[in-house]
Amino acid sequence: MSVNMNHPVYEQLEKTKLLPLYTATDLSYLAKVEELLLENNVPLIEVTFRSELAVEAIKQLSKSGKIMVGAGTVRTLAEAKNAVENGAQFVVSPAVVPEVIEYCLAQDIPVFPGTATPRDIQSAAAYGIKVVKFFPADIYGGLKAINALSGPFYDIRFLPTGGINENNFVEYLENPHVLGVGGSFILSEKIVKEDNGERMSQILQSLVEKIK
């Protein structure tokens, strides 16, 4: 098993820099969510397994094929399989979960295991993984930690989440060791519900413009 670093998910993340984390509690807003992402040129979404609607949300968002849908907070092999079988194109875990990593590599599905320590990163690197989630970024030292860890792990890039927000995400993205950032600050079902996405669209547009 080897990691296909030419997978479109890596290429899109390199281009977009933003990975919205989305927890679905109301499926009726998914069409609006897809519309918002496409309008603002952020064709990626990580649907978290923090609600019972995760699999159905992944399935519905995957139907059009216009956005890359991933599964987040994947802690078990069963969740990984369920997600991929319903259209997930990548998998994000809060920790290094060997059976999840091995399944994803066998399916040619990009997997971003959660890491916070040198041991975590080494465990992921042993599988040939070149991009790891760094979580929770703020608690484990943020950019100072990423810079320090990038000494020995010079060939690894990071996808930090946790404590990333509209005020500090650009600073993270300016770091050459950071591929992109993830967070619910990019996309929130609660904000979409407020006015059917008008304010959410403005927030997304503002975030994208800051990257340019």
C-alpha atoms as a PDB file:
ATOM      1  CA  MET A   1       0.000   0.000   0.000  1.00  0.00           C
ATOM      2  CA  SER A   2       1.293   3.422  -0.900  1.00  0.00           C
ATOM      3  CA  VAL A   3      -0.040   6.959  -0.712  1.00  0.00           C
ATOM      4  CA  ASN A   4      -1.070   8.537  -3.998  1.00  0.00           C
ATOM      5  CA  MET A   5       0.036  12.138  -3.499  1.00  0.00           C
ATOM      6  CA  ASN A   6      -1.311  12.999  -6.957  1.00  0.00           C
ATOM      7  CA  HIS A   7      -4.856  12.346  -5.780  1.00  0.00           C
ATOM      8  CA  PRO A   8      -7.192  15.245  -6.734  1.00  0.00           C
ATOM      9  CA  VAL A   9      -8.067  15.823  -3.057  1.00  0.00           C
ATOM     10  CA  TYR A  10      -4.480  16.885  -2.262  1.00  0.00           C
ATOM     11  CA  GLU A  11      -4.363  19.070  -5.362  1.00  0.00           C
ATOM     12  CA  GLN A  12      -7.663  20.751  -4.513  1.00  0.00           C
ATOM     13  CA  LEU A  13      -6.654  21.359  -0.903  1.00  0.00           C
ATOM     14  CA  GLU A  14      -3.355  22.867  -2.055  1.00  0.00           C
ATOM     15  CA  LYS A  15      -5.326  25.217  -4.288  1.00  0.00           C
ATOM     16  CA  THR A  16      -8.247  26.083  -1.995  1.00  0.00           C
ATOM     17  CA  LYS A  17      -6.346  26.125   1.336  1.00  0.00           C
ATOM     18  CA  LEU A  18      -9.622  25.855   3.273  1.00  0.00           C
ATOM     19  CA  LEU A  19     -11.300  22.685   4.512  1.00  0.00           C
ATOM     20  CA  PRO A  20     -14.740  23.461   5.981  1.00  0.00           C
ATOM     21  CA  LEU A  21     -15.772  21.216   8.871  1.00  0.00           C
ATOM     22  CA  TYR A  22     -19.522  20.665   8.849  1.00  0.00           C
ATOM     23  CA  THR A  23     -21.745  18.875  11.324  1.00  0.00           C
ATOM     24  CA  ALA A  24     -25.164  18.178   9.808  1.00  0.00           C
ATOM     25  CA  THR A  25     -28.209  18.213  12.069  1.00  0.00           C
ATOM     26  CA  ASP A  26     -30.709  19.239   9.371  1.00  0.00           C
ATOM     27  CA  LEU A  27     -30.445  17.683   5.912  1.00  0.00           C
ATOM     28  CA  SER A  28     -32.741  20.273   4.328  1.00  0.00           C
ATOM     29  CA  TYR A  29     -29.858  22.780   4.213  1.00  0.00           C
ATOM     30  CA  LEU A  30     -27.441  20.602   2.260  1.00  0.00           C
ATOM     31  CA  ALA A  31     -28.401  21.981  -1.162  1.00  0.00           C
ATOM     32  CA  LYS A  32     -27.767  25.500   0.119  1.00  0.00           C
ATOM     33  CA  VAL A  33     -24.436  24.404   1.612  1.00  0.00           C
ATOM     34  CA  GLU A  34     -23.297  22.994  -1.728  1.00  0.00           C
ATOM     35  CA  GLU A  35     -24.422  26.163  -3.488  1.00  0.00           C
ATOM     36  CA  LEU A  36     -22.480  28.361  -1.036  1.00  0.00           C
ATOM     37  CA  LEU A  37     -19.292  26.338  -1.446  1.00  0.00           C
ATOM     38  CA  LEU A  38     -19.457  26.397  -5.239  1.00  0.00           C
ATOM     39  CA  GLU A  39     -20.281  30.115  -5.389  1.00  0.00           C
ATOM     40  CA  ASN A  40     -17.220  30.904  -3.306  1.00  0.00           C
ATOM     41  CA  ASN A  41     -14.833  28.470  -5.012  1.00  0.00           C
ATOM     42  CA  VAL A  42     -14.408  26.187  -1.995  1.00  0.00           C
ATOM     43  CA  PRO A  43     -15.426  22.814  -3.500  1.00  0.00           C
ATOM     44  CA  LEU A  44     -14.407  20.796  -0.426  1.00  0.00           C
ATOM     45  CA  ILE A  45     -16.250  19.781   2.727  1.00  0.00           C
ATOM     46  CA  GLU A  46     -15.504  17.531   5.679  1.00  0.00           C
ATOM     47  CA  VAL A  47     -18.730  16.135   7.133  1.00  0.00           C
ATOM     48  CA  THR A  48     -18.055  15.125  10.717  1.00  0.00           C
ATOM     49  CA  PHE A  49     -19.291  12.001  12.456  1.00  0.00           C
ATOM     50  CA  ARG A  50     -20.487  14.201  15.300  1.00  0.00           C
ATOM     51  CA  SER A  51     -24.114  13.642  14.358  1.00  0.00           C
ATOM     52  CA  GLU A  52     -26.204  10.646  13.364  1.00  0.00           C
ATOM     53  CA  LEU A  53     -26.887  12.288   9.998  1.00  0.00           C
ATOM     54  CA  ALA A  54     -23.254  12.185   8.874  1.00  0.00           C
ATOM     55  CA  VAL A  55     -23.549   9.266   6.443  1.00  0.00           C
ATOM     56  CA  GLU A  56     -26.753  10.551   4.851  1.00  0.00           C
ATOM     57  CA  ALA A  57     -25.233  14.030   4.524  1.00  0.00           C
ATOM     58  CA  ILE A  58     -22.133  12.561   2.831  1.00  0.00           C
ATOM     59  CA  LYS A  59     -24.368  10.582   0.492  1.00  0.00           C
ATOM     60  CA  GLN A  60     -26.481  13.596  -0.497  1.00  0.00           C
ATOM     61  CA  LEU A  61     -23.572  16.003  -0.905  1.00  0.00           C
ATOM     62  CA  SER A  62     -21.690  13.471  -3.053  1.00  0.00           C
ATOM     63  CA  LYS A  63     -24.525  13.015  -5.551  1.00  0.00           C
ATOM     64  CA  SER A  64     -23.808  15.958  -7.850  1.00  0.00           C
ATOM     65  CA  GLY A  65     -20.079  15.265  -8.048  1.00  0.00           C
ATOM     66  CA  LYS A  66     -19.415  19.008  -7.965  1.00  0.00           C
ATOM     67  CA  ILE A  67     -17.709  19.120  -4.569  1.00  0.00           C
ATOM     68  CA  MET A  68     -15.230  16.811  -2.888  1.00  0.00           C
ATOM     69  CA  VAL A  69     -16.888  15.339   0.179  1.00  0.00           C
ATOM     70  CA  GLY A  70     -14.915  13.836   3.014  1.00  0.00           C
ATOM     71  CA  ALA A  71     -15.729  12.258   6.339  1.00  0.00           C
ATOM     72  CA  GLY A  72     -14.382  13.737   9.565  1.00  0.00           C
ATOM     73  CA  THR A  73     -14.067  12.594  13.168  1.00  0.00           C
ATOM     74  CA  VAL A  74     -13.659   9.045  11.836  1.00  0.00           C
ATOM     75  CA  ARG A  75     -12.577   6.889  14.766  1.00  0.00           C
ATOM     76  CA  THR A  76     -13.455   3.363  13.623  1.00  0.00           C
ATOM     77  CA  LEU A  77     -13.073   1.122  10.591  1.00  0.00           C
ATOM     78  CA  ALA A  78     -16.878   0.793  10.417  1.00  0.00           C
ATOM     79  CA  GLU A  79     -17.273   4.572  10.132  1.00  0.00           C
ATOM     80  CA  ALA A  80     -14.587   4.756   7.434  1.00  0.00           C
ATOM     81  CA  LYS A  81     -16.217   1.999   5.384  1.00  0.00           C
ATOM     82  CA  ASN A  82     -19.687   3.496   5.770  1.00  0.00           C
ATOM     83  CA  ALA A  83     -18.437   6.898   4.694  1.00  0.00           C
ATOM     84  CA  VAL A  84     -16.502   5.676   1.652  1.00  0.00           C
ATOM     85  CA  GLU A  85     -19.318   3.380   0.532  1.00  0.00           C
ATOM     86  CA  ASN A  86     -21.627   6.399   0.577  1.00  0.00           C
ATOM     87  CA  GLY A  87     -19.374   8.664  -1.452  1.00  0.00           C
ATOM     88  CA  ALA A  88     -16.661  10.061   0.840  1.00  0.00           C
ATOM     89  CA  GLN A  89     -13.545  10.887  -1.164  1.00  0.00           C
ATOM     90  CA  PHE A  90     -11.255  11.416   1.823  1.00  0.00           C
ATOM     91  CA  VAL A  91     -11.182  10.607   5.527  1.00  0.00           C
ATOM     92  CA  VAL A  92     -10.025  12.678   8.502  1.00  0.00           C
ATOM     93  CA  SER A  93      -9.426  11.171  11.954  1.00  0.00           C
ATOM     94  CA  PRO A  94      -8.808  12.836  15.318  1.00  0.00           C
ATOM     95  CA  ALA A  95      -5.937  10.404  15.988  1.00  0.00           C
ATOM     96  CA  VAL A  96      -3.764   7.787  14.285  1.00  0.00           C
ATOM     97  CA  VAL A  97      -6.141   4.841  13.825  1.00  0.00           C
ATOM     98  CA  PRO A  98      -4.209   2.033  12.062  1.00  0.00           C
ATOM     99  CA  GLU A  99      -7.213   0.094  10.741  1.00  0.00           C
ATOM    100  CA  VAL A 100      -8.727   3.281   9.285  1.00  0.00           C
ATOM    101  CA  ILE A 101      -5.440   4.249   7.633  1.00  0.00           C
ATOM    102  CA  GLU A 102      -4.905   0.767   6.182  1.00  0.00           C
ATOM    103  CA  TYR A 103      -8.443   0.613   4.792  1.00  0.00           C
ATOM    104  CA  CYS A 104      -8.159   4.048   3.186  1.00  0.00           C
ATOM    105  CA  LEU A 105      -4.782   3.303   1.616  1.00  0.00           C
ATOM    106  CA  ALA A 106      -6.162   0.061   0.173  1.00  0.00           C
ATOM    107  CA  GLN A 107      -9.052   2.024  -1.366  1.00  0.00           C
ATOM    108  CA  ASP A 108      -6.823   4.861  -2.687  1.00  0.00           C
ATOM    109  CA  ILE A 109      -8.652   7.258  -0.374  1.00  0.00           C
ATOM    110  CA  PRO A 110      -6.603  10.129   1.088  1.00  0.00           C
ATOM    111  CA  VAL A 111      -6.546   9.873   4.870  1.00  0.00           C
ATOM    112  CA  PHE A 112      -5.503  12.617   7.265  1.00  0.00           C
ATOM    113  CA  PRO A 113      -4.769  11.108  10.693  1.00  0.00           C
ATOM    114  CA  GLY A 114      -4.841  13.419  13.682  1.00  0.00           C
ATOM    115  CA  THR A 115      -1.399  14.042  15.193  1.00  0.00           C
ATOM    116  CA  ALA A 116      -0.024  16.172  18.008  1.00  0.00           C
ATOM    117  CA  THR A 117       3.334  14.610  18.956  1.00  0.00           C
ATOM    118  CA  PRO A 118       6.474  13.316  17.227  1.00  0.00           C
ATOM    119  CA  ARG A 119       5.323   9.763  17.965  1.00  0.00           C
ATOM    120  CA  ASP A 120       1.972  10.413  16.239  1.00  0.00           C
ATOM    121  CA  ILE A 121       3.640  11.897  13.185  1.00  0.00           C
ATOM    122  CA  GLN A 122       6.168   9.066  12.962  1.00  0.00           C
ATOM    123  CA  SER A 123       3.324   6.519  13.172  1.00  0.00           C
ATOM    124  CA  ALA A 124       1.556   8.214  10.253  1.00  0.00           C
ATOM    125  CA  ALA A 125       4.778   8.647   8.265  1.00  0.00           C
ATOM    126  CA  ALA A 126       5.483   4.928   8.593  1.00  0.00           C
ATOM    127  CA  TYR A 127       2.492   4.386   6.271  1.00  0.00           C
ATOM    128  CA  GLY A 128       3.954   6.792   3.722  1.00  0.00           C
ATOM    129  CA  ILE A 129       1.515   9.552   4.658  1.00  0.00           C
ATOM    130  CA  LYS A 130       2.860  12.998   3.785  1.00  0.00           C
ATOM    131  CA  VAL A 131       0.031  15.211   5.093  1.00  0.00           C
ATOM    132  CA  VAL A 132      -1.264  14.899   8.644  1.00  0.00           C
ATOM    133  CA  LYS A 133      -3.935  16.667  10.610  1.00  0.00           C
ATOM    134  CA  PHE A 134      -2.492  18.667  13.513  1.00  0.00           C
ATOM    135  CA  PHE A 135      -5.113  18.693  16.259  1.00  0.00           C
ATOM    136  CA  PRO A 136      -5.957  20.483  18.438  1.00  0.00           C
ATOM    137  CA  ALA A 137      -3.524  23.004  16.992  1.00  0.00           C
ATOM    138  CA  ASP A 138      -3.963  25.771  19.558  1.00  0.00           C
ATOM    139  CA  ILE A 139      -3.545  23.523  22.595  1.00  0.00           C
ATOM    140  CA  TYR A 140      -0.499  21.701  21.183  1.00  0.00           C
ATOM    141  CA  GLY A 141       1.493  24.819  20.395  1.00  0.00           C
ATOM    142  CA  GLY A 142       0.141  26.166  17.109  1.00  0.00           C
ATOM    143  CA  LEU A 143       2.659  27.498  14.628  1.00  0.00           C
ATOM    144  CA  LYS A 144       5.565  27.264  17.080  1.00  0.00           C
ATOM    145  CA  ALA A 145       4.937  23.538  17.368  1.00  0.00           C
ATOM    146  CA  ILE A 146       4.539  23.099  13.610  1.00  0.00           C
ATOM    147  CA  ASN A 147       7.845  24.868  12.999  1.00  0.00           C
ATOM    148  CA  ALA A 148       9.596  22.740  15.624  1.00  0.00           C
ATOM    149  CA  LEU A 149       8.106  19.476  14.365  1.00  0.00           C
ATOM    150  CA  SER A 150       9.010  20.357  10.788  1.00  0.00           C
ATOM    151  CA  GLY A 151      12.696  20.085  11.700  1.00  0.00           C
ATOM    152  CA  PRO A 152      12.823  16.304  11.993  1.00  0.00           C
ATOM    153  CA  PHE A 153       9.687  15.833   9.882  1.00  0.00           C
ATOM    154  CA  TYR A 154      10.863  18.022   7.007  1.00  0.00           C
ATOM    155  CA  ASP A 155       8.933  15.941   4.447  1.00  0.00           C
ATOM    156  CA  ILE A 156       5.557  16.182   6.228  1.00  0.00           C
ATOM    157  CA  ARG A 157       2.957  18.892   5.735  1.00  0.00           C
ATOM    158  CA  PHE A 158       0.246  19.805   8.194  1.00  0.00           C
ATOM    159  CA  LEU A 159      -3.492  20.387   8.121  1.00  0.00           C
ATOM    160  CA  PRO A 160      -4.084  22.197  11.419  1.00  0.00           C
ATOM    161  CA  THR A 161      -7.526  22.366  13.023  1.00  0.00           C
ATOM    162  CA  GLY A 162      -8.695  23.357  16.477  1.00  0.00           C
ATOM    163  CA  GLY A 163      -8.376  26.970  17.543  1.00  0.00           C
ATOM    164  CA  ILE A 164      -8.000  28.164  13.957  1.00  0.00           C
ATOM    165  CA  ASN A 165     -10.256  31.135  13.234  1.00  0.00           C
ATOM    166  CA  GLU A 166     -10.824  34.082  10.900  1.00  0.00           C
ATOM    167  CA  ASN A 167      -8.196  36.104  12.783  1.00  0.00           C
ATOM    168  CA  ASN A 168      -5.267  33.701  12.611  1.00  0.00           C
ATOM    169  CA  PHE A 169      -5.836  31.346   9.671  1.00  0.00           C
ATOM    170  CA  VAL A 170      -3.862  33.452   7.181  1.00  0.00           C
ATOM    171  CA  GLU A 171      -0.809  33.322   9.459  1.00  0.00           C
ATOM    172  CA  TYR A 172      -1.065  29.523   9.426  1.00  0.00           C
ATOM    173  CA  LEU A 173      -1.420  29.423   5.646  1.00  0.00           C
ATOM    174  CA  GLU A 174       1.677  31.567   5.182  1.00  0.00           C
ATOM    175  CA  ASN A 175       3.713  28.800   6.795  1.00  0.00           C
ATOM    176  CA  PRO A 176       5.308  26.578   4.098  1.00  0.00           C
ATOM    177  CA  HIS A 177       4.738  23.461   6.208  1.00  0.00           C
ATOM    178  CA  VAL A 178       0.957  24.005   6.208  1.00  0.00           C
ATOM    179  CA  LEU A 179      -1.024  22.613   3.279  1.00  0.00           C
ATOM    180  CA  GLY A 180      -4.352  24.058   4.397  1.00  0.00           C
ATOM    181  CA  VAL A 181      -6.470  24.745   7.457  1.00  0.00           C
ATOM    182  CA  GLY A 182      -9.701  23.211   8.650  1.00  0.00           C
ATOM    183  CA  GLY A 183     -12.402  24.413  10.951  1.00  0.00           C
ATOM    184  CA  SER A 184     -16.048  25.120  11.567  1.00  0.00           C
ATOM    185  CA  PHE A 185     -15.276  28.837  11.293  1.00  0.00           C
ATOM    186  CA  ILE A 186     -15.292  28.330   7.514  1.00  0.00           C
ATOM    187  CA  LEU A 187     -18.793  26.854   7.331  1.00  0.00           C
ATOM    188  CA  SER A 188     -21.486  26.574   9.995  1.00  0.00           C
ATOM    189  CA  GLU A 189     -24.936  25.050   9.749  1.00  0.00           C
ATOM    190  CA  LYS A 190     -26.080  27.412  12.502  1.00  0.00           C
ATOM    191  CA  ILE A 191     -25.100  30.478  10.461  1.00  0.00           C
ATOM    192  CA  VAL A 192     -26.591  29.026   7.260  1.00  0.00           C
ATOM    193  CA  LYS A 193     -29.888  28.602   9.106  1.00  0.00           C
ATOM    194  CA  GLU A 194     -29.995  32.235  10.247  1.00  0.00           C
ATOM    195  CA  ASP A 195     -30.903  33.733   6.873  1.00  0.00           C
ATOM    196  CA  ASN A 196     -30.659  30.823   4.436  1.00  0.00           C
ATOM    197  CA  GLY A 197     -26.995  31.384   3.828  1.00  0.00           C
ATOM    198  CA  GLU A 198     -26.698  35.107   3.100  1.00  0.00           C
ATOM    199  CA  ARG A 199     -24.335  35.925   5.959  1.00  0.00           C
ATOM    200  CA  MET A 200     -22.546  32.605   5.521  1.00  0.00           C
ATOM    201  CA  SER A 201     -21.817  33.501   1.905  1.00  0.00           C
ATOM    202  CA  GLN A 202     -20.337  36.828   2.987  1.00  0.00           C
ATOM    203  CA  ILE A 203     -18.131  35.095   5.561  1.00  0.00           C
ATOM    204  CA  LEU A 204     -16.899  32.547   3.021  1.00  0.00           C
ATOM    205  CA  GLN A 205     -16.216  35.269   0.473  1.00  0.00           C
ATOM    206  CA  SER A 206     -14.246  37.257   3.054  1.00  0.00           C
ATOM    207  CA  LEU A 207     -12.129  34.226   4.003  1.00  0.00           C
ATOM    208  CA  VAL A 208     -11.332  33.413   0.369  1.00  0.00           C
ATOM    209  CA  GLU A 209     -10.387  37.021  -0.347  1.00  0.00           C
ATOM    210  CA  LYS A 210      -7.966  37.069   2.593  1.00  0.00           C
ATOM    211  CA  ILE A 211      -6.044  34.197   1.031  1.00  0.00           C
ATOM    212  CA  LYS A 212      -5.613  36.037  -2.256  1.00  0.00           C
END
